[in-house]
C-alpha atoms as a PDB file:
ATOM      1  CA  UNK A   1     -53.501  26.234 -18.554  1.00  0.00           C
ATOM      2  CA  UNK A   2     -51.971  29.489 -17.667  1.00  0.00           C
ATOM      3  CA  UNK A   3     -54.306  30.265 -14.457  1.00  0.00           C
ATOM      4  CA  UNK A   4     -54.487  28.128 -11.218  1.00  0.00           C
ATOM      5  CA  UNK A   5     -57.295  28.610  -8.773  1.00  0.00           C
ATOM      6  CA  UNK A   6     -57.209  28.045  -5.292  1.00  0.00           C
ATOM      7  CA  UNK A   7     -59.862  28.122  -2.830  1.00  0.00           C
ATOM      8  CA  UNK A   8     -58.537  31.907  -1.426  1.00  0.00           C
ATOM      9  CA  UNK A   9     -56.128  32.592  -4.481  1.00  0.00           C
ATOM     10  CA  UNK A  10     -55.064  32.125  -8.084  1.00  0.00           C
ATOM     11  CA  UNK A  11     -51.547  32.052  -9.638  1.00  0.00           C
ATOM     12  CA  UNK A  12     -50.963  33.018 -13.135  1.00  0.00           C
ATOM     13  CA  UNK A  13     -48.405  30.869 -14.560  1.00  0.00           C
ATOM     14  CA  UNK A  14     -48.038  31.460 -18.314  1.00  0.00           C
ATOM     15  CA  UNK A  15     -44.924  33.706 -17.820  1.00  0.00           C
ATOM     16  CA  UNK A  16     -42.583  31.009 -16.142  1.00  0.00           C
ATOM     17  CA  UNK A  17     -40.990  28.518 -17.078  1.00  0.00           C
ATOM     18  CA  UNK A  18     -41.715  26.167 -14.412  1.00  0.00           C
ATOM     19  CA  UNK A  19     -45.715  25.480 -14.021  1.00  0.00           C
ATOM     20  CA  UNK A  20     -47.402  24.540 -10.744  1.00  0.00           C
ATOM     21  CA  UNK A  21     -47.021  20.896  -9.932  1.00  0.00           C
ATOM     22  CA  UNK A  22     -47.503  18.759  -6.999  1.00  0.00           C
ATOM     23  CA  UNK A  23     -44.087  19.126  -5.212  1.00  0.00           C
ATOM     24  CA  UNK A  24     -44.662  22.979  -4.628  1.00  0.00           C
ATOM     25  CA  UNK A  25     -48.491  22.541  -3.297  1.00  0.00           C
ATOM     26  CA  UNK A  26     -47.011  19.508  -1.068  1.00  0.00           C
ATOM     27  CA  UNK A  27     -44.148  21.887   0.335  1.00  0.00           C
ATOM     28  CA  UNK A  28     -46.839  24.953   0.776  1.00  0.00           C
ATOM     29  CA  UNK A  29     -48.859  22.586   2.414  1.00  0.00           C
ATOM     30  CA  UNK A  30     -46.529  20.372   4.815  1.00  0.00           C
ATOM     31  CA  UNK A  31     -43.855  23.010   5.721  1.00  0.00           C
ATOM     32  CA  UNK A  32     -44.043  23.326   9.550  1.00  0.00           C
ATOM     33  CA  UNK A  33     -45.654  26.587  10.900  1.00  0.00           C
ATOM     34  CA  UNK A  34     -46.083  25.093  14.480  1.00  0.00           C
ATOM     35  CA  UNK A  35     -43.594  27.574  16.047  1.00  0.00           C
ATOM     36  CA  UNK A  36     -45.747  30.693  14.875  1.00  0.00           C
ATOM     37  CA  UNK A  37     -42.827  32.166  12.135  1.00  0.00           C
ATOM     38  CA  UNK A  38     -42.746  36.100  12.062  1.00  0.00           C
ATOM     39  CA  UNK A  39     -40.616  35.723   8.968  1.00  0.00           C
ATOM     40  CA  UNK A  40     -40.856  33.530   5.853  1.00  0.00           C
ATOM     41  CA  UNK A  41     -38.212  33.242   2.602  1.00  0.00           C
ATOM     42  CA  UNK A  42     -39.206  31.292   0.026  1.00  0.00           C
ATOM     43  CA  UNK A  43     -35.728  30.160  -2.158  1.00  0.00           C
ATOM     44  CA  UNK A  44     -36.696  30.162  -5.634  1.00  0.00           C
ATOM     45  CA  UNK A  45     -39.858  31.130  -5.800  1.00  0.00           C
ATOM     46  CA  UNK A  46     -41.289  30.817  -9.075  1.00  0.00           C
ATOM     47  CA  UNK A  47     -44.586  31.487  -9.666  1.00  0.00           C
ATOM     48  CA  UNK A  48     -44.851  32.256  -5.963  1.00  0.00           C
ATOM     49  CA  UNK A  49     -46.881  29.108  -4.965  1.00  0.00           C
ATOM     50  CA  UNK A  50     -45.051  28.255  -2.193  1.00  0.00           C
ATOM     51  CA  UNK A  51     -45.354  31.935  -0.653  1.00  0.00           C
ATOM     52  CA  UNK A  52     -48.926  32.115  -1.263  1.00  0.00           C
ATOM     53  CA  UNK A  53     -49.710  29.250   0.451  1.00  0.00           C
ATOM     54  CA  UNK A  54     -47.701  29.947   3.675  1.00  0.00           C
ATOM     55  CA  UNK A  55     -49.436  33.537   3.732  1.00  0.00           C
ATOM     56  CA  UNK A  56     -52.613  31.741   3.963  1.00  0.00           C
ATOM     57  CA  UNK A  57     -51.702  28.940   6.452  1.00  0.00           C
ATOM     58  CA  UNK A  58     -49.796  31.296   8.978  1.00  0.00           C
ATOM     59  CA  UNK A  59     -49.745  34.528  10.394  1.00  0.00           C
ATOM     60  CA  UNK A  60     -46.194  35.357   9.059  1.00  0.00           C
ATOM     61  CA  UNK A  61     -46.042  38.966   8.705  1.00  0.00           C
ATOM     62  CA  UNK A  62     -42.886  39.303   6.798  1.00  0.00           C
ATOM     63  CA  UNK A  63     -42.816  37.039   3.745  1.00  0.00           C
ATOM     64  CA  UNK A  64     -39.987  36.827   1.179  1.00  0.00           C
ATOM     65  CA  UNK A  65     -39.124  35.057  -1.809  1.00  0.00           C
ATOM     66  CA  UNK A  66     -36.310  35.379  -4.195  1.00  0.00           C
ATOM     67  CA  UNK A  67     -35.980  34.397  -7.576  1.00  0.00           C
ATOM     68  CA  UNK A  68     -33.641  34.963 -10.574  1.00  0.00           C
ATOM     69  CA  UNK A  69     -35.403  34.425 -13.890  1.00  0.00           C
ATOM     70  CA  UNK A  70     -36.882  37.814 -14.638  1.00  0.00           C
ATOM     71  CA  UNK A  71     -40.279  36.278 -16.398  1.00  0.00           C
ATOM     72  CA  UNK A  72     -40.719  34.317 -12.998  1.00  0.00           C
ATOM     73  CA  UNK A  73     -40.338  37.089 -11.147  1.00  0.00           C
ATOM     74  CA  UNK A  74     -43.037  39.846 -12.714  1.00  0.00           C
ATOM     75  CA  UNK A  75     -45.159  36.614 -12.203  1.00  0.00           C
ATOM     76  CA  UNK A  76     -44.790  36.062  -9.014  1.00  0.00           C
ATOM     77  CA  UNK A  77     -44.924  39.661  -8.208  1.00  0.00           C
ATOM     78  CA  UNK A  78     -48.304  39.716 -10.241  1.00  0.00           C
ATOM     79  CA  UNK A  79     -49.510  37.053  -7.884  1.00  0.00           C
ATOM     80  CA  UNK A  80     -48.258  38.547  -4.751  1.00  0.00           C
ATOM     81  CA  UNK A  81     -50.676  41.964  -5.510  1.00  0.00           C
ATOM     82  CA  UNK A  82     -53.683  40.448  -6.625  1.00  0.00           C
ATOM     83  CA  UNK A  83     -53.368  37.883  -3.626  1.00  0.00           C
ATOM     84  CA  UNK A  84     -55.331  38.650  -0.241  1.00  0.00           C
ATOM     85  CA  UNK A  85     -52.218  38.950   1.451  1.00  0.00           C
ATOM     86  CA  UNK A  86     -50.035  41.789  -0.615  1.00  0.00           C
ATOM     87  CA  UNK A  87     -49.095  43.595   2.227  1.00  0.00           C
ATOM     88  CA  UNK A  88     -47.076  40.697   3.738  1.00  0.00           C
ATOM     89  CA  UNK A  89     -45.469  39.380   0.264  1.00  0.00           C
ATOM     90  CA  UNK A  90     -42.159  40.697  -1.172  1.00  0.00           C
ATOM     91  CA  UNK A  91     -40.319  39.089  -4.237  1.00  0.00           C
ATOM     92  CA  UNK A  92     -36.445  40.091  -4.374  1.00  0.00           C
ATOM     93  CA  UNK A  93     -35.382  39.771  -8.092  1.00  0.00           C
ATOM     94  CA  UNK A  94     -31.987  38.230  -7.296  1.00  0.00           C
ATOM     95  CA  UNK A  95     -29.917  35.028  -7.086  1.00  0.00           C
ATOM     96  CA  UNK A  96     -28.693  33.135  -3.793  1.00  0.00           C
ATOM     97  CA  UNK A  97     -25.510  33.760  -3.985  1.00  0.00           C
ATOM     98  CA  UNK A  98     -25.886  37.609  -4.324  1.00  0.00           C
ATOM     99  CA  UNK A  99     -28.671  37.928  -1.831  1.00  0.00           C
ATOM    100  CA  UNK A 100     -26.793  36.471   1.100  1.00  0.00           C
ATOM    101  CA  UNK A 101     -23.726  38.769   0.152  1.00  0.00           C
ATOM    102  CA  UNK A 102     -25.323  41.127   2.780  1.00  0.00           C
ATOM    103  CA  UNK A 103     -28.130  39.679   4.735  1.00  0.00           C
ATOM    104  CA  UNK A 104     -30.818  41.919   6.612  1.00  0.00           C
ATOM    105  CA  UNK A 105     -32.844  39.723   8.036  1.00  0.00           C
ATOM    106  CA  UNK A 106     -33.263  36.635   9.647  1.00  0.00           C
ATOM    107  CA  UNK A 107     -35.926  34.010   8.875  1.00  0.00           C
ATOM    108  CA  UNK A 108     -38.222  31.808  11.141  1.00  0.00           C
ATOM    109  CA  UNK A 109     -38.888  29.536   8.175  1.00  0.00           C
ATOM    110  CA  UNK A 110     -37.224  29.269   5.396  1.00  0.00           C
ATOM    111  CA  UNK A 111     -38.573  26.939   2.703  1.00  0.00           C
ATOM    112  CA  UNK A 112     -37.150  25.864  -0.915  1.00  0.00           C
ATOM    113  CA  UNK A 113     -38.485  23.529  -3.777  1.00  0.00           C
ATOM    114  CA  UNK A 114     -34.994  23.696  -5.762  1.00  0.00           C
ATOM    115  CA  UNK A 115     -34.589  22.474  -9.554  1.00  0.00           C
ATOM    116  CA  UNK A 116     -33.608  18.990  -9.590  1.00  0.00           C
ATOM    117  CA  UNK A 117     -31.142  18.037 -11.761  1.00  0.00           C
ATOM    118  CA  UNK A 118     -30.671  15.216 -13.866  1.00  0.00           C
ATOM    119  CA  UNK A 119     -28.055  14.233 -16.225  1.00  0.00           C
ATOM    120  CA  UNK A 120     -30.637  13.040 -19.083  1.00  0.00           C
ATOM    121  CA  UNK A 121     -32.757  16.068 -18.478  1.00  0.00           C
ATOM    122  CA  UNK A 122     -31.669  18.724 -21.407  1.00  0.00           C
ATOM    123  CA  UNK A 123     -34.706  19.824 -23.481  1.00  0.00           C
ATOM    124  CA  UNK A 124     -34.952  22.487 -26.041  1.00  0.00           C
ATOM    125  CA  UNK A 125     -36.460  24.808 -24.039  1.00  0.00           C
ATOM    126  CA  UNK A 126     -33.397  26.483 -22.149  1.00  0.00           C
ATOM    127  CA  UNK A 127     -35.238  28.779 -19.749  1.00  0.00           C
ATOM    128  CA  UNK A 128     -36.957  25.693 -18.183  1.00  0.00           C
ATOM    129  CA  UNK A 129     -33.714  23.776 -18.179  1.00  0.00           C
ATOM    130  CA  UNK A 130     -32.436  26.313 -15.779  1.00  0.00           C
ATOM    131  CA  UNK A 131     -35.277  26.272 -13.803  1.00  0.00           C
ATOM    132  CA  UNK A 132     -34.871  22.580 -13.688  1.00  0.00           C
ATOM    133  CA  UNK A 133     -31.795  22.382 -13.159  1.00  0.00           C
ATOM    134  CA  UNK A 134     -29.628  22.173  -9.842  1.00  0.00           C
ATOM    135  CA  UNK A 135     -26.514  23.983 -11.259  1.00  0.00           C
ATOM    136  CA  UNK A 136     -28.500  26.832 -11.056  1.00  0.00           C
ATOM    137  CA  UNK A 137     -29.141  26.528  -6.899  1.00  0.00           C
ATOM    138  CA  UNK A 138     -26.438  23.722  -5.678  1.00  0.00           C
ATOM    139  CA  UNK A 139     -27.507  22.286  -2.913  1.00  0.00           C
ATOM    140  CA  UNK A 140     -24.478  23.290  -0.492  1.00  0.00           C
ATOM    141  CA  UNK A 141     -25.530  26.701  -1.824  1.00  0.00           C
ATOM    142  CA  UNK A 142     -28.931  26.460  -0.217  1.00  0.00           C
ATOM    143  CA  UNK A 143     -27.563  25.069   3.100  1.00  0.00           C
ATOM    144  CA  UNK A 144     -25.291  27.652   3.209  1.00  0.00           C
ATOM    145  CA  UNK A 145     -28.278  29.760   2.893  1.00  0.00           C
ATOM    146  CA  UNK A 146     -30.147  28.180   5.631  1.00  0.00           C
ATOM    147  CA  UNK A 147     -27.341  28.077   8.064  1.00  0.00           C
ATOM    148  CA  UNK A 148     -26.973  31.894   7.661  1.00  0.00           C
ATOM    149  CA  UNK A 149     -30.238  32.974   7.642  1.00  0.00           C
ATOM    150  CA  UNK A 150     -32.270  30.692   9.681  1.00  0.00           C
ATOM    151  CA  UNK A 151     -33.052  32.458  12.953  1.00  0.00           C
ATOM    152  CA  UNK A 152     -32.410  30.502  16.317  1.00  0.00           C
ATOM    153  CA  UNK A 153     -35.036  28.753  16.653  1.00  0.00           C
ATOM    154  CA  UNK A 154     -36.140  28.678  13.095  1.00  0.00           C
ATOM    155  CA  UNK A 155     -37.018  25.475  10.297  1.00  0.00           C
ATOM    156  CA  UNK A 156     -35.362  24.728   6.923  1.00  0.00           C
ATOM    157  CA  UNK A 157     -37.842  23.223   4.871  1.00  0.00           C
ATOM    158  CA  UNK A 158     -37.195  21.498   1.372  1.00  0.00           C
ATOM    159  CA  UNK A 159     -38.414  19.121  -1.011  1.00  0.00           C
ATOM    160  CA  UNK A 160     -35.922  17.128  -2.582  1.00  0.00           C
ATOM    161  CA  UNK A 161     -35.858  13.623  -4.867  1.00  0.00           C
ATOM    162  CA  UNK A 162     -35.590  11.070  -2.623  1.00  0.00           C
ATOM    163  CA  UNK A 163     -32.261   9.462  -3.873  1.00  0.00           C
ATOM    164  CA  UNK A 164     -30.773  12.735  -2.813  1.00  0.00           C
ATOM    165  CA  UNK A 165     -32.379  12.661   0.858  1.00  0.00           C
ATOM    166  CA  UNK A 166     -28.663  11.273   2.614  1.00  0.00           C
ATOM    167  CA  UNK A 167     -26.749  13.255   0.828  1.00  0.00           C
ATOM    168  CA  UNK A 168     -28.422  16.366   1.891  1.00  0.00           C
ATOM    169  CA  UNK A 169     -29.296  15.124   5.354  1.00  0.00           C
ATOM    170  CA  UNK A 170     -25.470  14.724   5.642  1.00  0.00           C
ATOM    171  CA  UNK A 171     -24.796  18.985   3.676  1.00  0.00           C
ATOM    172  CA  UNK A 172     -26.886  19.992   6.575  1.00  0.00           C
ATOM    173  CA  UNK A 173     -25.165  18.184   9.625  1.00  0.00           C
ATOM    174  CA  UNK A 174     -21.762  19.656   8.423  1.00  0.00           C
ATOM    175  CA  UNK A 175     -23.404  22.998   9.192  1.00  0.00           C
ATOM    176  CA  UNK A 176     -24.958  22.394  12.140  1.00  0.00           C
ATOM    177  CA  UNK A 177     -28.549  21.765  10.461  1.00  0.00           C
ATOM    178  CA  UNK A 178     -30.610  18.669  12.010  1.00  0.00           C
ATOM    179  CA  UNK A 179     -33.718  17.150  10.476  1.00  0.00           C
ATOM    180  CA  UNK A 180     -36.753  16.818  12.680  1.00  0.00           C
ATOM    181  CA  UNK A 181     -39.344  15.673  10.435  1.00  0.00           C
ATOM    182  CA  UNK A 182     -39.014  13.664   7.528  1.00  0.00           C
ATOM    183  CA  UNK A 183     -41.902  12.724   4.990  1.00  0.00           C
ATOM    184  CA  UNK A 184     -41.360  10.276   1.906  1.00  0.00           C
ATOM    185  CA  UNK A 185     -43.820  10.620  -0.782  1.00  0.00           C
ATOM    186  CA  UNK A 186     -44.917   7.958  -3.165  1.00  0.00           C
ATOM    187  CA  UNK A 187     -47.455   8.536  -6.386  1.00  0.00           C
ATOM    188  CA  UNK A 188     -49.258   5.040  -5.457  1.00  0.00           C
ATOM    189  CA  UNK A 189     -49.525   2.378  -2.856  1.00  0.00           C
ATOM    190  CA  UNK A 190     -47.359   0.216  -5.360  1.00  0.00           C
ATOM    191  CA  UNK A 191     -44.791   2.831  -6.652  1.00  0.00           C
ATOM    192  CA  UNK A 192     -41.515   3.125  -5.056  1.00  0.00           C
ATOM    193  CA  UNK A 193     -40.832   6.752  -2.933  1.00  0.00           C
ATOM    194  CA  UNK A 194     -39.981   9.698  -5.531  1.00  0.00           C
ATOM    195  CA  UNK A 195     -39.595  12.429  -2.982  1.00  0.00           C
ATOM    196  CA  UNK A 196     -38.567  13.733   0.273  1.00  0.00           C
ATOM    197  CA  UNK A 197     -39.700  16.363   2.270  1.00  0.00           C
ATOM    198  CA  UNK A 198     -37.379  17.185   4.939  1.00  0.00           C
ATOM    199  CA  UNK A 199     -37.668  19.758   8.011  1.00  0.00           C
ATOM    200  CA  UNK A 200     -34.294  20.852   9.695  1.00  0.00           C
ATOM    201  CA  UNK A 201     -33.421  22.996  12.787  1.00  0.00           C
ATOM    202  CA  UNK A 202     -30.316  24.286  14.786  1.00  0.00           C
ATOM    203  CA  UNK A 203     -31.213  21.707  17.804  1.00  0.00           C
ATOM    204  CA  UNK A 204     -30.416  17.677  17.129  1.00  0.00           C
ATOM    205  CA  UNK A 205     -33.130  15.598  18.146  1.00  0.00           C
ATOM    206  CA  UNK A 206     -33.535  12.394  18.766  1.00  0.00           C
ATOM    207  CA  UNK A 207     -36.936  12.167  18.014  1.00  0.00           C
ATOM    208  CA  UNK A 208     -36.935  12.136  14.312  1.00  0.00           C
ATOM    209  CA  UNK A 209     -40.721  12.032  13.290  1.00  0.00           C
ATOM    210  CA  UNK A 210     -40.397  10.058  10.058  1.00  0.00           C
ATOM    211  CA  UNK A 211     -43.440   9.086   8.047  1.00  0.00           C
ATOM    212  CA  UNK A 212     -44.577   8.389   4.100  1.00  0.00           C
ATOM    213  CA  UNK A 213     -47.586  10.003   2.183  1.00  0.00           C
ATOM    214  CA  UNK A 214     -49.000   8.551  -0.542  1.00  0.00           C
ATOM    215  CA  UNK A 215     -50.949  10.615  -3.244  1.00  0.00           C
ATOM    216  CA  UNK A 216     -53.143   8.847  -5.216  1.00  0.00           C
ATOM    217  CA  UNK A 217     -54.990   5.094  -4.877  1.00  0.00           C
ATOM    218  CA  UNK A 218     -55.488   5.362  -8.560  1.00  0.00           C
ATOM    219  CA  UNK A 219     -55.428   8.156 -10.999  1.00  0.00           C
ATOM    220  CA  UNK A 220     -57.301  10.969  -9.681  1.00  0.00           C
ATOM    221  CA  UNK A 221     -58.647   8.780  -6.576  1.00  0.00           C
ATOM    222  CA  UNK A 222     -56.571  10.633  -3.905  1.00  0.00           C
ATOM    223  CA  UNK A 223     -55.677   9.139  -0.465  1.00  0.00           C
ATOM    224  CA  UNK A 224     -57.397  10.746   2.977  1.00  0.00           C
ATOM    225  CA  UNK A 225     -54.148  11.726   3.885  1.00  0.00           C
ATOM    226  CA  UNK A 226     -52.730  13.667   0.773  1.00  0.00           C
ATOM    227  CA  UNK A 227     -56.578  14.981   0.954  1.00  0.00           C
ATOM    228  CA  UNK A 228     -56.388  16.223   4.494  1.00  0.00           C
ATOM    229  CA  UNK A 229     -52.785  18.134   3.790  1.00  0.00           C
ATOM    230  CA  UNK A 230     -53.982  20.218   0.684  1.00  0.00           C
ATOM    231  CA  UNK A 231     -57.962  20.444   1.545  1.00  0.00           C
ATOM    232  CA  UNK A 232     -57.439  24.235   2.761  1.00  0.00           C
ATOM    233  CA  UNK A 233     -56.176  25.076  -1.062  1.00  0.00           C
ATOM    234  CA  UNK A 234     -57.607  22.575  -3.872  1.00  0.00           C
ATOM    235  CA  UNK A 235     -61.159  23.162  -5.104  1.00  0.00           C
ATOM    236  CA  UNK A 236     -61.457  20.119  -5.959  1.00  0.00           C
ATOM    237  CA  UNK A 237     -61.411  18.914  -1.637  1.00  0.00           C
END
């Protein structure tokens, strides 16, 4: 399906290797905005879905996205221009290492749905592998960028495989970024936890908000929590 239609915008995805999936929608819906961010950065934009969701959810006036893959970058630019919030959205065609060499701005919210790495994951599609592989964006680099670019009271939000959660929290802590909210996601009530949604800030807190989210009761029967989280976006809710 090359076009994905949401309630207030649609996303073309025919050019990019990484199609819209639940992970992006989860992060776009979940990322904390209670601190009213003025500026947002989406690292590894893909189609631009997360930046678009944050444009819909927030009043942020500057929403920047970063994408290294040329096809995905062009797609994100088109999706931004065709959305109701084109004047607030901007995509940079650059890698993260290049982007942080001369940082111009600080951001009140930084989000990333980074490529996941699995040793056994190699396909015939090199572009998709690049999009999927963590060696295109190591966790260390992400934490370094967040530390460099996050405003004093900013929030850094990310979605990861659950098995990477502890490692990533330790990495972030070494850069004095501390978890404030953790949501562990499972597909069904009986399945194991697959993903972790993590939010970090520069201020260490004893009160980390930790909860669990189940997506489906059974195939295509969604839980009330998942519907509540995503209903501003999905046409079916």
